[in-house]
């Protein structure tokens, strides 16, 4: 989103900085009195993956009722855009409570996802100014890690793909309908309580775009081995969408909704 705005503003009229240990990135368009902020909270609630750099953990753990650590940075916005899905894609997740962080139990998916979203919804109801702040929730951004799902090789993924999937209604196995229903139910519950959160549904249009991932053109957090270099698909990023193209469409949809406010 910032890339789209940044390109249209002269350097002397904009600035960007990282704060809150890097969790908050603030872009300011000074001539327009406008600010775009990105806040790192991949699970919305507090977790052991909250560090924006060091978050590769073997077992993901969340405090399902702890959100204030993050949410205190959200209160004064005119527009809030939320998204949380991929980081929840595990069969179960530990939940903890109390200042000592003692583990209480492992909770199955999608129940723990529902618990966290309910905490988020409860926070919105109490803290958001309904006459000022407009709320959006972006749906699942699909992955393309198994080429056999669209008729490709059983050993392949998005690496080397140059065309979209043409099968109408295609859905990969990593897109979980149960978790999509959880989001729908939570948003319906908020609406019944007088809070409207607009869903921006990017899922189906993105399902087709197996060629839109960074693939091998990505940051490598560790040096590649000789074996990996001989097999580029082994390190291809078929999860993220950090390229022009597909995310631009998402932002155009958001822009259309904002203009309609």
C-alpha atoms as a PDB file:
ATOM      1  CA  UNK A   1       0.000   0.000   0.000  1.00  0.00           C
ATOM      2  CA  UNK A   2       2.790   2.406   0.911  1.00  0.00           C
ATOM      3  CA  UNK A   3       4.526   1.631  -2.401  1.00  0.00           C
ATOM      4  CA  UNK A   4       1.491   2.846  -4.327  1.00  0.00           C
ATOM      5  CA  UNK A   5       1.323   6.103  -2.373  1.00  0.00           C
ATOM      6  CA  UNK A   6       5.068   6.650  -2.094  1.00  0.00           C
ATOM      7  CA  UNK A   7       5.623   6.713  -5.849  1.00  0.00           C
ATOM      8  CA  UNK A   8       3.299   9.706  -6.251  1.00  0.00           C
ATOM      9  CA  UNK A   9       4.823  11.937  -3.544  1.00  0.00           C
ATOM     10  CA  UNK A  10       8.083  13.925  -3.878  1.00  0.00           C
ATOM     11  CA  UNK A  11      10.795  12.960  -1.384  1.00  0.00           C
ATOM     12  CA  UNK A  12      10.643  16.255   0.513  1.00  0.00           C
ATOM     13  CA  UNK A  13       6.980  15.705   1.349  1.00  0.00           C
ATOM     14  CA  UNK A  14       7.214  12.251   2.911  1.00  0.00           C
ATOM     15  CA  UNK A  15       9.034  10.294   5.602  1.00  0.00           C
ATOM     16  CA  UNK A  16       9.179   6.783   7.020  1.00  0.00           C
ATOM     17  CA  UNK A  17      10.454   5.422  10.324  1.00  0.00           C
ATOM     18  CA  UNK A  18      10.394   2.255  12.428  1.00  0.00           C
ATOM     19  CA  UNK A  19       9.311   2.399  16.074  1.00  0.00           C
ATOM     20  CA  UNK A  20       8.251   0.049  18.906  1.00  0.00           C
ATOM     21  CA  UNK A  21      11.276  -2.220  18.394  1.00  0.00           C
ATOM     22  CA  UNK A  22      10.509  -2.341  14.689  1.00  0.00           C
ATOM     23  CA  UNK A  23       6.925  -3.541  15.130  1.00  0.00           C
ATOM     24  CA  UNK A  24       5.456  -0.263  13.898  1.00  0.00           C
ATOM     25  CA  UNK A  25       6.382   1.264  10.545  1.00  0.00           C
ATOM     26  CA  UNK A  26       5.089   4.807  10.080  1.00  0.00           C
ATOM     27  CA  UNK A  27       4.851   6.459   6.657  1.00  0.00           C
ATOM     28  CA  UNK A  28       3.852  10.130   6.589  1.00  0.00           C
ATOM     29  CA  UNK A  29       2.693  12.149   3.603  1.00  0.00           C
ATOM     30  CA  UNK A  30       3.233  15.567   5.161  1.00  0.00           C
ATOM     31  CA  UNK A  31       1.650  17.674   2.429  1.00  0.00           C
ATOM     32  CA  UNK A  32      -1.584  15.709   2.786  1.00  0.00           C
ATOM     33  CA  UNK A  33      -1.602  15.369   6.583  1.00  0.00           C
ATOM     34  CA  UNK A  34      -1.889  11.609   6.031  1.00  0.00           C
ATOM     35  CA  UNK A  35      -0.219   8.718   7.823  1.00  0.00           C
ATOM     36  CA  UNK A  36      -0.101   5.023   6.920  1.00  0.00           C
ATOM     37  CA  UNK A  37       1.095   2.694   9.662  1.00  0.00           C
ATOM     38  CA  UNK A  38       1.932  -0.995   9.516  1.00  0.00           C
ATOM     39  CA  UNK A  39       1.889  -2.793  12.843  1.00  0.00           C
ATOM     40  CA  UNK A  40       3.340  -6.293  13.223  1.00  0.00           C
ATOM     41  CA  UNK A  41       0.923  -8.537  15.152  1.00  0.00           C
ATOM     42  CA  UNK A  42       0.584 -11.672  12.981  1.00  0.00           C
ATOM     43  CA  UNK A  43      -1.774 -13.404  15.407  1.00  0.00           C
ATOM     44  CA  UNK A  44      -3.573 -10.207  16.519  1.00  0.00           C
ATOM     45  CA  UNK A  45      -3.275 -11.299  20.153  1.00  0.00           C
ATOM     46  CA  UNK A  46      -0.030 -11.553  22.112  1.00  0.00           C
ATOM     47  CA  UNK A  47       2.237 -14.427  21.079  1.00  0.00           C
ATOM     48  CA  UNK A  48       5.794 -15.708  21.045  1.00  0.00           C
ATOM     49  CA  UNK A  49       5.990 -14.591  17.397  1.00  0.00           C
ATOM     50  CA  UNK A  50       5.583 -10.897  18.150  1.00  0.00           C
ATOM     51  CA  UNK A  51       9.153  -9.923  17.314  1.00  0.00           C
ATOM     52  CA  UNK A  52       9.104  -8.557  13.731  1.00  0.00           C
ATOM     53  CA  UNK A  53      12.545 -10.037  13.003  1.00  0.00           C
ATOM     54  CA  UNK A  54      13.036 -13.033  15.302  1.00  0.00           C
ATOM     55  CA  UNK A  55       9.765 -14.954  15.137  1.00  0.00           C
ATOM     56  CA  UNK A  56      10.786 -18.368  13.809  1.00  0.00           C
ATOM     57  CA  UNK A  57       9.741 -20.598  16.697  1.00  0.00           C
ATOM     58  CA  UNK A  58       9.216 -24.397  16.758  1.00  0.00           C
ATOM     59  CA  UNK A  59       5.976 -24.146  18.742  1.00  0.00           C
ATOM     60  CA  UNK A  60       3.696 -21.169  18.395  1.00  0.00           C
ATOM     61  CA  UNK A  61       2.029 -19.983  21.586  1.00  0.00           C
ATOM     62  CA  UNK A  62      -0.600 -17.268  22.042  1.00  0.00           C
ATOM     63  CA  UNK A  63      -2.222 -15.461  24.930  1.00  0.00           C
ATOM     64  CA  UNK A  64      -5.735 -15.612  23.542  1.00  0.00           C
ATOM     65  CA  UNK A  65      -7.116 -12.979  25.894  1.00  0.00           C
ATOM     66  CA  UNK A  66      -4.118 -10.648  25.652  1.00  0.00           C
ATOM     67  CA  UNK A  67      -4.436  -7.981  22.969  1.00  0.00           C
ATOM     68  CA  UNK A  68      -3.737  -4.642  24.647  1.00  0.00           C
ATOM     69  CA  UNK A  69       0.010  -4.914  24.021  1.00  0.00           C
ATOM     70  CA  UNK A  70      -0.762  -4.463  20.321  1.00  0.00           C
ATOM     71  CA  UNK A  71      -4.142  -2.792  20.295  1.00  0.00           C
ATOM     72  CA  UNK A  72      -3.017   0.316  22.169  1.00  0.00           C
ATOM     73  CA  UNK A  73      -1.430   1.425  18.884  1.00  0.00           C
ATOM     74  CA  UNK A  74      -4.689   1.119  16.948  1.00  0.00           C
ATOM     75  CA  UNK A  75      -7.103   3.327  18.849  1.00  0.00           C
ATOM     76  CA  UNK A  76      -6.860   6.681  17.051  1.00  0.00           C
ATOM     77  CA  UNK A  77      -6.909   5.558  13.421  1.00  0.00           C
ATOM     78  CA  UNK A  78      -9.520   6.762  10.955  1.00  0.00           C
ATOM     79  CA  UNK A  79      -9.260   3.481   9.027  1.00  0.00           C
ATOM     80  CA  UNK A  80      -8.130   0.111  10.393  1.00  0.00           C
ATOM     81  CA  UNK A  81      -7.345  -2.835   8.113  1.00  0.00           C
ATOM     82  CA  UNK A  82      -6.862  -6.216   9.797  1.00  0.00           C
ATOM     83  CA  UNK A  83      -5.657  -9.568   8.526  1.00  0.00           C
ATOM     84  CA  UNK A  84      -4.666 -12.748  10.350  1.00  0.00           C
ATOM     85  CA  UNK A  85      -4.690 -16.262   8.939  1.00  0.00           C
ATOM     86  CA  UNK A  86      -1.517 -17.939   7.726  1.00  0.00           C
ATOM     87  CA  UNK A  87       0.244 -17.827  11.069  1.00  0.00           C
ATOM     88  CA  UNK A  88      -2.606 -19.864  12.549  1.00  0.00           C
ATOM     89  CA  UNK A  89      -2.205 -22.757  10.109  1.00  0.00           C
ATOM     90  CA  UNK A  90      -1.175 -25.438  12.587  1.00  0.00           C
ATOM     91  CA  UNK A  91      -3.187 -28.377  13.875  1.00  0.00           C
ATOM     92  CA  UNK A  92      -3.061 -26.981  17.398  1.00  0.00           C
ATOM     93  CA  UNK A  93      -1.486 -24.113  19.281  1.00  0.00           C
ATOM     94  CA  UNK A  94      -0.473 -23.540  22.883  1.00  0.00           C
ATOM     95  CA  UNK A  95      -2.361 -20.927  24.874  1.00  0.00           C
ATOM     96  CA  UNK A  96      -1.012 -19.226  27.972  1.00  0.00           C
ATOM     97  CA  UNK A  97      -2.213 -16.813  30.605  1.00  0.00           C
ATOM     98  CA  UNK A  98      -0.878 -14.806  33.513  1.00  0.00           C
ATOM     99  CA  UNK A  99       2.274 -12.696  33.837  1.00  0.00           C
ATOM    100  CA  UNK A 100       4.517 -15.753  34.142  1.00  0.00           C
ATOM    101  CA  UNK A 101       3.428 -17.034  30.733  1.00  0.00           C
ATOM    102  CA  UNK A 102       2.711 -20.495  32.118  1.00  0.00           C
ATOM    103  CA  UNK A 103       1.269 -22.846  29.519  1.00  0.00           C
ATOM    104  CA  UNK A 104      -2.297 -23.853  30.211  1.00  0.00           C
ATOM    105  CA  UNK A 105      -3.125 -26.200  27.353  1.00  0.00           C
ATOM    106  CA  UNK A 106      -2.829 -26.917  23.662  1.00  0.00           C
ATOM    107  CA  UNK A 107      -5.969 -25.870  21.800  1.00  0.00           C
ATOM    108  CA  UNK A 108      -7.063 -27.394  18.494  1.00  0.00           C
ATOM    109  CA  UNK A 109      -7.634 -25.376  15.364  1.00  0.00           C
ATOM    110  CA  UNK A 110      -9.817 -23.617  14.472  1.00  0.00           C
ATOM    111  CA  UNK A 111     -11.060 -23.178  18.047  1.00  0.00           C
ATOM    112  CA  UNK A 112      -8.008 -21.194  19.186  1.00  0.00           C
ATOM    113  CA  UNK A 113      -8.393 -18.936  16.124  1.00  0.00           C
ATOM    114  CA  UNK A 114     -11.996 -18.303  17.088  1.00  0.00           C
ATOM    115  CA  UNK A 115     -10.988 -17.484  20.675  1.00  0.00           C
ATOM    116  CA  UNK A 116      -8.413 -14.940  19.516  1.00  0.00           C
ATOM    117  CA  UNK A 117     -10.777 -13.292  17.040  1.00  0.00           C
ATOM    118  CA  UNK A 118     -13.391 -13.021  19.757  1.00  0.00           C
ATOM    119  CA  UNK A 119     -10.868 -11.225  21.966  1.00  0.00           C
ATOM    120  CA  UNK A 120     -10.195  -8.884  19.042  1.00  0.00           C
ATOM    121  CA  UNK A 121     -13.932  -8.327  18.505  1.00  0.00           C
ATOM    122  CA  UNK A 122     -14.516  -7.577  22.186  1.00  0.00           C
ATOM    123  CA  UNK A 123     -11.688  -5.042  22.119  1.00  0.00           C
ATOM    124  CA  UNK A 124     -13.153  -3.312  19.063  1.00  0.00           C
ATOM    125  CA  UNK A 125     -16.553  -3.008  20.687  1.00  0.00           C
ATOM    126  CA  UNK A 126     -15.125  -1.264  23.743  1.00  0.00           C
ATOM    127  CA  UNK A 127     -12.353   0.891  22.278  1.00  0.00           C
ATOM    128  CA  UNK A 128     -13.288   1.931  18.734  1.00  0.00           C
ATOM    129  CA  UNK A 129     -15.130   5.165  17.981  1.00  0.00           C
ATOM    130  CA  UNK A 130     -17.918   3.919  15.730  1.00  0.00           C
ATOM    131  CA  UNK A 131     -18.596   7.338  14.232  1.00  0.00           C
ATOM    132  CA  UNK A 132     -14.930   7.925  13.323  1.00  0.00           C
ATOM    133  CA  UNK A 133     -13.083   4.693  12.582  1.00  0.00           C
ATOM    134  CA  UNK A 134     -13.887   2.535   9.560  1.00  0.00           C
ATOM    135  CA  UNK A 135     -12.992  -1.140   9.917  1.00  0.00           C
ATOM    136  CA  UNK A 136     -11.876  -3.694   7.328  1.00  0.00           C
ATOM    137  CA  UNK A 137     -10.794  -7.328   7.520  1.00  0.00           C
ATOM    138  CA  UNK A 138      -8.872  -8.845   4.610  1.00  0.00           C
ATOM    139  CA  UNK A 139      -9.639 -12.486   3.901  1.00  0.00           C
ATOM    140  CA  UNK A 140      -7.199 -15.364   3.375  1.00  0.00           C
ATOM    141  CA  UNK A 141      -4.268 -14.877   1.000  1.00  0.00           C
ATOM    142  CA  UNK A 142      -3.749 -18.359  -0.517  1.00  0.00           C
ATOM    143  CA  UNK A 143      -0.480 -20.254  -0.905  1.00  0.00           C
ATOM    144  CA  UNK A 144       0.757 -22.408  -3.807  1.00  0.00           C
ATOM    145  CA  UNK A 145       3.209 -24.896  -2.351  1.00  0.00           C
ATOM    146  CA  UNK A 146       1.952 -28.095  -3.994  1.00  0.00           C
ATOM    147  CA  UNK A 147       1.835 -28.070  -7.797  1.00  0.00           C
ATOM    148  CA  UNK A 148      -0.089 -31.336  -7.930  1.00  0.00           C
ATOM    149  CA  UNK A 149      -3.136 -29.443  -6.643  1.00  0.00           C
ATOM    150  CA  UNK A 150      -3.455 -27.709 -10.028  1.00  0.00           C
ATOM    151  CA  UNK A 151      -2.254 -30.650 -12.125  1.00  0.00           C
ATOM    152  CA  UNK A 152       1.484 -30.071 -11.870  1.00  0.00           C
ATOM    153  CA  UNK A 153       4.324 -32.272 -10.669  1.00  0.00           C
ATOM    154  CA  UNK A 154       4.042 -33.944  -7.268  1.00  0.00           C
ATOM    155  CA  UNK A 155       7.490 -32.519  -6.486  1.00  0.00           C
ATOM    156  CA  UNK A 156       6.733 -28.994  -7.701  1.00  0.00           C
ATOM    157  CA  UNK A 157       5.392 -25.752  -6.306  1.00  0.00           C
ATOM    158  CA  UNK A 158       5.050 -22.216  -7.675  1.00  0.00           C
ATOM    159  CA  UNK A 159       8.649 -22.147  -8.934  1.00  0.00           C
ATOM    160  CA  UNK A 160       8.792 -21.616 -12.695  1.00  0.00           C
ATOM    161  CA  UNK A 161       5.071 -20.886 -13.024  1.00  0.00           C
ATOM    162  CA  UNK A 162       4.253 -18.148 -15.529  1.00  0.00           C
ATOM    163  CA  UNK A 163       0.493 -18.517 -16.022  1.00  0.00           C
ATOM    164  CA  UNK A 164      -2.471 -18.376 -13.643  1.00  0.00           C
ATOM    165  CA  UNK A 165      -4.751 -21.304 -12.853  1.00  0.00           C
ATOM    166  CA  UNK A 166      -7.665 -21.252 -15.292  1.00  0.00           C
ATOM    167  CA  UNK A 167     -10.003 -23.702 -13.561  1.00  0.00           C
ATOM    168  CA  UNK A 168     -12.987 -21.692 -12.353  1.00  0.00           C
ATOM    169  CA  UNK A 169     -13.591 -22.007  -8.623  1.00  0.00           C
ATOM    170  CA  UNK A 170     -10.178 -23.559  -7.939  1.00  0.00           C
ATOM    171  CA  UNK A 171      -9.270 -23.742  -4.256  1.00  0.00           C
ATOM    172  CA  UNK A 172      -6.035 -25.080  -2.792  1.00  0.00           C
ATOM    173  CA  UNK A 173      -5.962 -27.312   0.266  1.00  0.00           C
ATOM    174  CA  UNK A 174      -4.198 -24.655   2.351  1.00  0.00           C
ATOM    175  CA  UNK A 175      -7.308 -22.468   2.209  1.00  0.00           C
ATOM    176  CA  UNK A 176      -9.371 -23.640   5.170  1.00  0.00           C
ATOM    177  CA  UNK A 177     -13.157 -23.166   4.832  1.00  0.00           C
ATOM    178  CA  UNK A 178     -13.637 -23.729   8.576  1.00  0.00           C
ATOM    179  CA  UNK A 179     -11.392 -20.790   9.396  1.00  0.00           C
ATOM    180  CA  UNK A 180     -13.146 -18.651   6.803  1.00  0.00           C
ATOM    181  CA  UNK A 181     -16.453 -19.433   8.509  1.00  0.00           C
ATOM    182  CA  UNK A 182     -14.954 -18.448  11.869  1.00  0.00           C
ATOM    183  CA  UNK A 183     -14.181 -14.989  10.488  1.00  0.00           C
ATOM    184  CA  UNK A 184     -17.661 -14.676   8.979  1.00  0.00           C
ATOM    185  CA  UNK A 185     -19.290 -15.646  12.280  1.00  0.00           C
ATOM    186  CA  UNK A 186     -17.209 -13.201  14.315  1.00  0.00           C
ATOM    187  CA  UNK A 187     -17.944 -10.349  11.899  1.00  0.00           C
ATOM    188  CA  UNK A 188     -21.651 -11.237  11.932  1.00  0.00           C
ATOM    189  CA  UNK A 189     -21.545 -11.146  15.726  1.00  0.00           C
ATOM    190  CA  UNK A 190     -19.979  -7.688  15.660  1.00  0.00           C
ATOM    191  CA  UNK A 191     -22.611  -6.465  13.228  1.00  0.00           C
ATOM    192  CA  UNK A 192     -25.339  -7.691  15.562  1.00  0.00           C
ATOM    193  CA  UNK A 193     -23.692  -5.600  18.288  1.00  0.00           C
ATOM    194  CA  UNK A 194     -23.737  -2.487  16.109  1.00  0.00           C
ATOM    195  CA  UNK A 195     -20.192  -2.628  14.701  1.00  0.00           C
ATOM    196  CA  UNK A 196     -19.665  -3.015  10.980  1.00  0.00           C
ATOM    197  CA  UNK A 197     -16.394  -4.558   9.789  1.00  0.00           C
ATOM    198  CA  UNK A 198     -16.227  -4.699   6.001  1.00  0.00           C
ATOM    199  CA  UNK A 199     -14.745  -7.918   4.647  1.00  0.00           C
ATOM    200  CA  UNK A 200     -12.391  -7.445   1.694  1.00  0.00           C
ATOM    201  CA  UNK A 201     -12.541 -10.846   0.051  1.00  0.00           C
ATOM    202  CA  UNK A 202      -9.306 -11.384  -1.875  1.00  0.00           C
ATOM    203  CA  UNK A 203      -9.237 -15.165  -1.545  1.00  0.00           C
ATOM    204  CA  UNK A 204     -10.778 -16.521  -4.732  1.00  0.00           C
ATOM    205  CA  UNK A 205      -9.162 -14.042  -7.103  1.00  0.00           C
ATOM    206  CA  UNK A 206      -5.788 -14.822  -5.497  1.00  0.00           C
ATOM    207  CA  UNK A 207      -6.253 -18.605  -5.628  1.00  0.00           C
ATOM    208  CA  UNK A 208      -5.725 -18.488  -9.394  1.00  0.00           C
ATOM    209  CA  UNK A 209      -2.407 -16.597  -9.218  1.00  0.00           C
ATOM    210  CA  UNK A 210       0.159 -19.351  -8.698  1.00  0.00           C
ATOM    211  CA  UNK A 211       2.632 -17.314 -10.747  1.00  0.00           C
ATOM    212  CA  UNK A 212       2.362 -14.231  -8.524  1.00  0.00           C
ATOM    213  CA  UNK A 213       4.626 -15.228  -5.609  1.00  0.00           C
ATOM    214  CA  UNK A 214       8.247 -14.067  -5.096  1.00  0.00           C
ATOM    215  CA  UNK A 215       9.412 -17.654  -5.773  1.00  0.00           C
ATOM    216  CA  UNK A 216      13.238 -17.654  -5.703  1.00  0.00           C
ATOM    217  CA  UNK A 217      13.401 -13.841  -5.778  1.00  0.00           C
ATOM    218  CA  UNK A 218      13.248 -13.500  -2.031  1.00  0.00           C
ATOM    219  CA  UNK A 219      15.398 -12.639   0.948  1.00  0.00           C
ATOM    220  CA  UNK A 220      17.354 -15.654   2.169  1.00  0.00           C
ATOM    221  CA  UNK A 221      17.587 -15.644   5.958  1.00  0.00           C
ATOM    222  CA  UNK A 222      20.325 -18.277   5.858  1.00  0.00           C
ATOM    223  CA  UNK A 223      22.945 -19.068   3.173  1.00  0.00           C
ATOM    224  CA  UNK A 224      21.756 -21.585   0.598  1.00  0.00           C
ATOM    225  CA  UNK A 225      23.384 -24.995   0.591  1.00  0.00           C
ATOM    226  CA  UNK A 226      24.856 -26.494  -2.571  1.00  0.00           C
ATOM    227  CA  UNK A 227      21.975 -28.958  -2.614  1.00  0.00           C
ATOM    228  CA  UNK A 228      19.424 -26.145  -2.480  1.00  0.00           C
ATOM    229  CA  UNK A 229      21.136 -24.258  -5.292  1.00  0.00           C
ATOM    230  CA  UNK A 230      20.720 -27.313  -7.499  1.00  0.00           C
ATOM    231  CA  UNK A 231      16.999 -27.430  -6.699  1.00  0.00           C
ATOM    232  CA  UNK A 232      15.520 -23.897  -6.772  1.00  0.00           C
ATOM    233  CA  UNK A 233      12.017 -25.103  -5.923  1.00  0.00           C
ATOM    234  CA  UNK A 234      13.345 -26.146  -2.500  1.00  0.00           C
ATOM    235  CA  UNK A 235      13.742 -22.520  -1.454  1.00  0.00           C
ATOM    236  CA  UNK A 236      11.058 -20.845  -3.570  1.00  0.00           C
ATOM    237  CA  UNK A 237       8.672 -18.650  -1.587  1.00  0.00           C
ATOM    238  CA  UNK A 238       5.179 -19.739  -2.601  1.00  0.00           C
ATOM    239  CA  UNK A 239       3.514 -18.237   0.469  1.00  0.00           C
ATOM    240  CA  UNK A 240       4.101 -14.490   0.429  1.00  0.00           C
ATOM    241  CA  UNK A 241       3.022 -11.902  -2.134  1.00  0.00           C
ATOM    242  CA  UNK A 242       5.811  -9.320  -1.849  1.00  0.00           C
ATOM    243  CA  UNK A 243       5.761  -8.309  -5.519  1.00  0.00           C
ATOM    244  CA  UNK A 244       3.865  -5.789  -7.645  1.00  0.00           C
ATOM    245  CA  UNK A 245       0.735  -7.240  -9.190  1.00  0.00           C
ATOM    246  CA  UNK A 246      -1.567  -9.232  -6.962  1.00  0.00           C
ATOM    247  CA  UNK A 247      -1.213  -7.033  -3.830  1.00  0.00           C
ATOM    248  CA  UNK A 248      -1.896  -3.996  -6.017  1.00  0.00           C
ATOM    249  CA  UNK A 249      -5.288  -5.503  -6.848  1.00  0.00           C
ATOM    250  CA  UNK A 250      -5.985  -5.993  -3.137  1.00  0.00           C
ATOM    251  CA  UNK A 251      -5.175  -2.336  -2.521  1.00  0.00           C
ATOM    252  CA  UNK A 252      -7.349  -1.218  -5.416  1.00  0.00           C
ATOM    253  CA  UNK A 253     -10.250  -3.078  -3.799  1.00  0.00           C
ATOM    254  CA  UNK A 254      -9.532  -1.396  -0.467  1.00  0.00           C
ATOM    255  CA  UNK A 255      -9.293   1.958  -2.236  1.00  0.00           C
ATOM    256  CA  UNK A 256     -12.703   1.415  -3.837  1.00  0.00           C
ATOM    257  CA  UNK A 257     -14.236   0.664  -0.446  1.00  0.00           C
ATOM    258  CA  UNK A 258     -12.608   3.749   1.089  1.00  0.00           C
ATOM    259  CA  UNK A 259     -13.957   5.978  -1.694  1.00  0.00           C
ATOM    260  CA  UNK A 260     -17.401   4.549  -0.996  1.00  0.00           C
ATOM    261  CA  UNK A 261     -17.331   5.559   2.685  1.00  0.00           C
END
